[in-house]
Each structure stands twice: as C-alpha cells, then as structure tokens.
C-alpha atoms as a PDB file:
ATOM      1  CA  MET A   1      24.874  -4.746   9.266  1.00  0.00           C
ATOM      2  CA  ASP A   2      28.303  -3.644  10.483  1.00  0.00           C
ATOM      3  CA  ALA A   3      29.627  -0.226   9.509  1.00  0.00           C
ATOM      4  CA  VAL A   4      32.425  -1.498   7.242  1.00  0.00           C
ATOM      5  CA  ARG A   5      30.090  -3.780   5.258  1.00  0.00           C
ATOM      6  CA  HIS A   6      27.500  -1.001   5.022  1.00  0.00           C
ATOM      7  CA  GLN A   7      30.103   1.449   3.699  1.00  0.00           C
ATOM      8  CA  THR A   8      31.431  -1.098   1.182  1.00  0.00           C
ATOM      9  CA  LEU A   9      27.909  -1.866   0.003  1.00  0.00           C
ATOM     10  CA  LEU A  10      27.086   1.826  -0.286  1.00  0.00           C
ATOM     11  CA  GLU A  11      30.256   2.522  -2.290  1.00  0.00           C
ATOM     12  CA  ALA A  12      29.433  -0.317  -4.686  1.00  0.00           C
ATOM     13  CA  ALA A  13      25.850   0.944  -5.044  1.00  0.00           C
ATOM     14  CA  ARG A  14      27.112   4.456  -5.773  1.00  0.00           C
ATOM     15  CA  GLY A  15      29.262   2.912  -8.503  1.00  0.00           C
ATOM     16  CA  GLY A  16      26.181   1.430 -10.177  1.00  0.00           C
ATOM     17  CA  ASP A  17      26.468  -2.197  -9.012  1.00  0.00           C
ATOM     18  CA  ALA A  18      22.893  -3.505  -9.401  1.00  0.00           C
ATOM     19  CA  VAL A  19      23.341  -6.292  -6.833  1.00  0.00           C
ATOM     20  CA  ALA A  20      24.729  -3.816  -4.299  1.00  0.00           C
ATOM     21  CA  ILE A  21      21.827  -1.435  -4.927  1.00  0.00           C
ATOM     22  CA  HIS A  22      19.367  -4.275  -4.332  1.00  0.00           C
ATOM     23  CA  GLN A  23      21.143  -5.365  -1.131  1.00  0.00           C
ATOM     24  CA  LEU A  24      21.263  -1.761   0.083  1.00  0.00           C
ATOM     25  CA  LEU A  25      17.526  -1.295  -0.494  1.00  0.00           C
ATOM     26  CA  VAL A  26      16.733  -4.552   1.303  1.00  0.00           C
ATOM     27  CA  ALA A  27      18.941  -3.526   4.239  1.00  0.00           C
ATOM     28  CA  CYS A  28      17.362  -0.042   4.460  1.00  0.00           C
ATOM     29  CA  GLN A  29      13.728  -1.055   4.098  1.00  0.00           C
ATOM     30  CA  PRO A  30      13.031  -1.713   7.821  1.00  0.00           C
ATOM     31  CA  ASP A  31      14.428   1.712   8.775  1.00  0.00           C
ATOM     32  CA  ILE A  32      12.459   3.379   5.982  1.00  0.00           C
ATOM     33  CA  ARG A  33       9.267   1.631   7.106  1.00  0.00           C
ATOM     34  CA  ARG A  34       9.680   2.744  10.731  1.00  0.00           C
ATOM     35  CA  TYR A  35      10.411   6.310   9.656  1.00  0.00           C
ATOM     36  CA  ALA A  36       7.459   6.402   7.243  1.00  0.00           C
ATOM     37  CA  GLN A  37       5.099   5.067   9.900  1.00  0.00           C
ATOM     38  CA  ARG A  38       6.040   7.999  12.127  1.00  0.00           C
ATOM     39  CA  ASN A  39       5.968  10.656   9.407  1.00  0.00           C
ATOM     40  CA  CYS A  40       3.155   9.732   7.041  1.00  0.00           C
ATOM     41  CA  LEU A  41       0.209  11.262   8.822  1.00  0.00           C
ATOM     42  CA  ILE A  42      -2.402  10.755   6.138  1.00  0.00           C
ATOM     43  CA  SER A  43      -0.815   8.992   3.210  1.00  0.00           C
ATOM     44  CA  ASP A  44      -0.313   5.299   2.695  1.00  0.00           C
ATOM     45  CA  VAL A  45       2.915   4.172   4.356  1.00  0.00           C
ATOM     46  CA  ASP A  46       3.434   1.367   1.833  1.00  0.00           C
ATOM     47  CA  ASP A  47       3.266   3.769  -1.108  1.00  0.00           C
ATOM     48  CA  ALA A  48       5.709   6.167   0.559  1.00  0.00           C
ATOM     49  CA  ILE A  49       8.134   3.301   1.159  1.00  0.00           C
ATOM     50  CA  GLN A  50       7.874   2.101  -2.429  1.00  0.00           C
ATOM     51  CA  GLU A  51       8.384   5.587  -3.875  1.00  0.00           C
ATOM     52  CA  SER A  52      11.299   6.271  -1.527  1.00  0.00           C
ATOM     53  CA  LEU A  53      13.035   3.021  -2.465  1.00  0.00           C
ATOM     54  CA  LEU A  54      12.569   3.825  -6.140  1.00  0.00           C
ATOM     55  CA  ILE A  55      14.085   7.287  -5.686  1.00  0.00           C
ATOM     56  CA  LEU A  56      16.971   5.857  -3.668  1.00  0.00           C
ATOM     57  CA  SER A  57      17.736   3.273  -6.346  1.00  0.00           C
ATOM     58  CA  ARG A  58      17.709   5.881  -9.096  1.00  0.00           C
ATOM     59  CA  ARG A  59      19.733   8.533  -7.280  1.00  0.00           C
ATOM     60  CA  VAL A  60      22.194   6.635  -5.076  1.00  0.00           C
ATOM     61  CA  SER A  61      24.949   7.268  -7.617  1.00  0.00           C
ATOM     62  CA  SER A  62      24.549  11.027  -7.095  1.00  0.00           C
ATOM     63  CA  LEU A  63      25.216  10.792  -3.345  1.00  0.00           C
ATOM     64  CA  ARG A  64      28.332  12.869  -2.648  1.00  0.00           C
ATOM     65  CA  ALA A  65      29.293  11.649   0.824  1.00  0.00           C
ATOM     66  CA  VAL A  66      28.744   8.136   2.136  1.00  0.00           C
ATOM     67  CA  ALA A  67      28.429   9.521   5.670  1.00  0.00           C
ATOM     68  CA  ALA A  68      25.377  11.534   4.597  1.00  0.00           C
ATOM     69  CA  PHE A  69      23.427   8.496   3.374  1.00  0.00           C
ATOM     70  CA  SER A  70      21.128   8.065   6.384  1.00  0.00           C
ATOM     71  CA  SER A  71      20.038  11.687   6.587  1.00  0.00           C
ATOM     72  CA  TRP A  72      19.622  11.787   2.804  1.00  0.00           C
ATOM     73  CA  MET A  73      17.505   8.615   2.871  1.00  0.00           C
ATOM     74  CA  PHE A  74      15.259   9.906   5.668  1.00  0.00           C
ATOM     75  CA  SER A  75      14.781  13.267   3.953  1.00  0.00           C
ATOM     76  CA  ILE A  76      13.575  11.410   0.835  1.00  0.00           C
ATOM     77  CA  VAL A  77      11.052   9.453   2.907  1.00  0.00           C
ATOM     78  CA  ARG A  78       9.858  12.599   4.689  1.00  0.00           C
ATOM     79  CA  ARG A  79       9.432  14.424   1.354  1.00  0.00           C
ATOM     80  CA  GLU A  80       7.430  11.518  -0.059  1.00  0.00           C
ATOM     81  CA  CYS A  81       5.166  11.421   2.999  1.00  0.00           C
ATOM     82  CA  HIS A  82       4.528  15.150   2.707  1.00  0.00           C
ATOM     83  CA  ARG A  83       3.951  14.970  -1.050  1.00  0.00           C
ATOM     84  CA  MET A  84       1.405  12.182  -0.666  1.00  0.00           C
ATOM     85  CA  ALA A  85      -0.408  13.972   2.154  1.00  0.00           C
ATOM     86  CA  ARG A  86      -0.644  17.177   0.122  1.00  0.00           C
ATOM     87  CA  LYS A  87      -2.085  15.180  -2.767  1.00  0.00           C
ATOM     88  CA  ALA A  88      -4.579  13.299  -0.582  1.00  0.00           C
ATOM     89  CA  LEU A  89      -5.768  16.404   1.227  1.00  0.00           C
ATOM     90  CA  ALA A  90      -5.621  18.761  -1.752  1.00  0.00           C
ATOM     91  CA  ALA A  91      -3.843  21.074   0.702  1.00  0.00           C
ATOM     92  CA  ASP A  92      -0.540  21.274   2.532  1.00  0.00           C
ATOM     93  CA  PRO A  93      -1.024  19.939   6.082  1.00  0.00           C
ATOM     94  CA  TRP A  94       2.471  21.163   6.960  1.00  0.00           C
ATOM     95  CA  ASP A  95       1.545  24.800   6.370  1.00  0.00           C
ATOM     96  CA  ASP A  96       1.910  25.425  10.089  1.00  0.00           C
ATOM     97  CA  ALA A  97       0.553  28.959  10.120  1.00  0.00           C
ATOM     98  CA  ARG A  98      -2.632  27.936   8.327  1.00  0.00           C
ATOM     99  CA  VAL A  99      -3.180  24.848  10.494  1.00  0.00           C
ATOM    100  CA  GLU A 100      -2.522  26.829  13.694  1.00  0.00           C
ATOM    101  CA  THR A 101      -5.001  29.520  12.643  1.00  0.00           C
ATOM    102  CA  TRP A 102      -7.649  26.922  11.840  1.00  0.00           C
ATOM    103  CA  LEU A 103      -7.105  24.991  15.089  1.00  0.00           C
ATOM    104  CA  ALA A 104      -7.007  28.145  17.203  1.00  0.00           C
ATOM    105  CA  ALA A 105     -10.370  29.208  15.801  1.00  0.00           C
ATOM    106  CA  LEU A 106     -12.078  25.975  16.873  1.00  0.00           C
ATOM    107  CA  PRO A 107     -12.721  25.023  20.467  1.00  0.00           C
ATOM    108  CA  VAL A 108     -11.423  21.503  21.182  1.00  0.00           C
ATOM    109  CA  ASP A 109     -14.888  20.181  21.942  1.00  0.00           C
ATOM    110  CA  ASP A 110     -16.177  21.530  18.630  1.00  0.00           C
ATOM    111  CA  LEU A 111     -13.296  19.916  16.758  1.00  0.00           C
ATOM    112  CA  ARG A 112     -13.945  16.561  18.445  1.00  0.00           C
ATOM    113  CA  HIS A 113     -17.648  16.881  17.698  1.00  0.00           C
ATOM    114  CA  ASP A 114     -16.919  17.675  14.027  1.00  0.00           C
ATOM    115  CA  VAL A 115     -14.576  14.683  13.629  1.00  0.00           C
ATOM    116  CA  VAL A 116     -17.066  12.335  15.298  1.00  0.00           C
ATOM    117  CA  GLY A 117     -19.838  13.738  13.106  1.00  0.00           C
ATOM    118  CA  ALA A 118     -17.725  13.238   9.993  1.00  0.00           C
ATOM    119  CA  LEU A 119     -16.989   9.617  10.908  1.00  0.00           C
ATOM    120  CA  GLU A 120     -20.606   8.897  11.816  1.00  0.00           C
ATOM    121  CA  SER A 121     -21.764  10.357   8.509  1.00  0.00           C
ATOM    122  CA  LEU A 122     -19.773   7.767   6.562  1.00  0.00           C
ATOM    123  CA  PRO A 123     -21.317   4.535   5.346  1.00  0.00           C
ATOM    124  CA  PRO A 124     -20.041   1.645   7.517  1.00  0.00           C
ATOM    125  CA  HIS A 125     -17.667   0.229   4.874  1.00  0.00           C
ATOM    126  CA  TYR A 126     -15.897   3.610   4.634  1.00  0.00           C
ATOM    127  CA  ARG A 127     -15.906   4.232   8.380  1.00  0.00           C
ATOM    128  CA  ASP A 128     -14.397   0.792   9.038  1.00  0.00           C
ATOM    129  CA  ILE A 129     -11.510   1.485   6.634  1.00  0.00           C
ATOM    130  CA  ILE A 130     -10.655   4.810   8.292  1.00  0.00           C
ATOM    131  CA  VAL A 131     -10.830   3.299  11.775  1.00  0.00           C
ATOM    132  CA  LEU A 132      -8.590   0.377  10.803  1.00  0.00           C
ATOM    133  CA  ARG A 133      -6.039   2.555   9.005  1.00  0.00           C
ATOM    134  CA  ASP A 134      -5.912   5.807  10.947  1.00  0.00           C
ATOM    135  CA  LEU A 135      -6.961   4.792  14.460  1.00  0.00           C
ATOM    136  CA  ASN A 136      -5.737   1.187  14.633  1.00  0.00           C
ATOM    137  CA  GLU A 137      -2.702   2.061  12.454  1.00  0.00           C
ATOM    138  CA  MET A 138      -2.980  -1.077  10.334  1.00  0.00           C
ATOM    139  CA  THR A 139      -1.171  -1.320   6.995  1.00  0.00           C
ATOM    140  CA  ILE A 140      -3.042  -1.607   3.721  1.00  0.00           C
ATOM    141  CA  GLY A 141      -1.981  -5.250   3.508  1.00  0.00           C
ATOM    142  CA  GLU A 142      -3.271  -6.021   7.001  1.00  0.00           C
ATOM    143  CA  ILE A 143      -6.597  -4.345   6.269  1.00  0.00           C
ATOM    144  CA  ALA A 144      -6.956  -6.207   2.973  1.00  0.00           C
ATOM    145  CA  GLU A 145      -6.282  -9.504   4.719  1.00  0.00           C
ATOM    146  CA  GLN A 146      -8.711  -8.777   7.556  1.00  0.00           C
ATOM    147  CA  LEU A 147     -11.506  -7.687   5.211  1.00  0.00           C
ATOM    148  CA  GLY A 148     -10.829 -10.279   2.518  1.00  0.00           C
ATOM    149  CA  GLU A 149     -10.328  -7.541  -0.079  1.00  0.00           C
ATOM    150  CA  THR A 150      -7.565  -6.727  -2.545  1.00  0.00           C
ATOM    151  CA  ARG A 151      -5.015  -4.047  -1.669  1.00  0.00           C
ATOM    152  CA  ALA A 152      -6.310  -1.972  -4.592  1.00  0.00           C
ATOM    153  CA  ALA A 153      -9.883  -2.144  -3.265  1.00  0.00           C
ATOM    154  CA  VAL A 154      -8.738  -1.107   0.209  1.00  0.00           C
ATOM    155  CA  LYS A 155      -6.715   1.817  -1.167  1.00  0.00           C
ATOM    156  CA  SER A 156      -9.630   2.963  -3.283  1.00  0.00           C
ATOM    157  CA  ARG A 157     -12.083   2.746  -0.400  1.00  0.00           C
ATOM    158  CA  LEU A 158      -9.670   4.554   1.958  1.00  0.00           C
ATOM    159  CA  HIS A 159      -9.209   7.352  -0.561  1.00  0.00           C
ATOM    160  CA  ARG A 160     -12.952   7.763  -0.982  1.00  0.00           C
ATOM    161  CA  ALA A 161     -13.546   7.626   2.792  1.00  0.00           C
ATOM    162  CA  ARG A 162     -10.995  10.377   3.374  1.00  0.00           C
ATOM    163  CA  GLN A 163     -12.456  12.437   0.574  1.00  0.00           C
ATOM    164  CA  LEU A 164     -15.957  12.192   2.087  1.00  0.00           C
ATOM    165  CA  THR A 165     -14.599  13.028   5.547  1.00  0.00           C
ATOM    166  CA  ARG A 166     -12.761  16.069   4.173  1.00  0.00           C
ATOM    167  CA  GLU A 167     -15.911  17.247   2.379  1.00  0.00           C
ATOM    168  CA  TYR A 168     -17.909  16.912   5.603  1.00  0.00           C
ATOM    169  CA  LEU A 169     -15.335  18.815   7.680  1.00  0.00           C
ATOM    170  CA  LEU A 170     -14.741  21.563   5.139  1.00  0.00           C
ATOM    171  CA  GLY A 171     -18.379  21.871   4.115  1.00  0.00           C
END
C-alpha cells in the first residue's frame, strides 16, 4: 500500500469509519503476523494476532499522530505476546534478572538434559504437539490440519503439554 493511501486510510479509521478500520486491519495483518511470530516465544501466535487486531480496532481513534501508527501497532503486539507468555508460564519470562540467575546456575549440559527429560516424560500425543509447535514452528491451524483435530483440541493439548513440561522442569 502506498504511503498516501495508507495515511488516508489511517485518518479515516481514526475518524471512526468502520470500512476504513476493516481495511486497515486487513492491510496490517501480515506485518502483525510476522512480528508476532518473532516475539511470541511461548504463546499462541494466532491468539496474539487476534487480540492485537481487536485492540487496534477499539483504540485506533485514540492514536494522536498518524506517523506513530507502526510503532504503536508493534508495541501492542509485543505487549500481547508478553501477556500471553506470562499467563501460560505463570511467571514473567521477560524478568531478565531472574532468568539470567536461573540459567547461570545450570550448566548447559544439565539444562539440555532436563529439557530432553521433560519432553521424553510426556505422553506421545503431548510430545508431538510441542515438537510441531515449538520446534517445527507450525501454527495452530497447520497442526490441527496435520493431526486431523480441531483448533480447540490442539490448543487444549498444547496448553496441557506445556503445563506438564513446566511441572517436570520446576519439580
């Protein structure tokens, strides 16, 4: 989208034009997806995208400067990724001091051994979900299609697999 059209669309969206808001969200979705895929370490990328688009649609009228739209949009996505990760982990993975202390206390070989042990301890249907999502970086939709499951079933199984892995590592 050229800069003039983007600015016109953004101005109309800020004014409350529902069609412009929809067009803006459609135009931004690929950028939001790429950003979420790089910043959502643990959480579901699709959920972060959906929540970010919802926030953007609700708050675009409060944007003060059109030039600040991109950085504002990406900060919303980053916040959503962090919020979802904190919820999934029941801890803040971006608490750098705490993570550094924990990592510094474990030799690399021990950490690798613990992660492998955690994955091997999972029943195969949980292990497969974690491997597909976190190692193969597949989306929830892709996993559901490959396994012949619903998206809801995949999300539920992924949540439970991560919970069991966390219990193993923290136990």
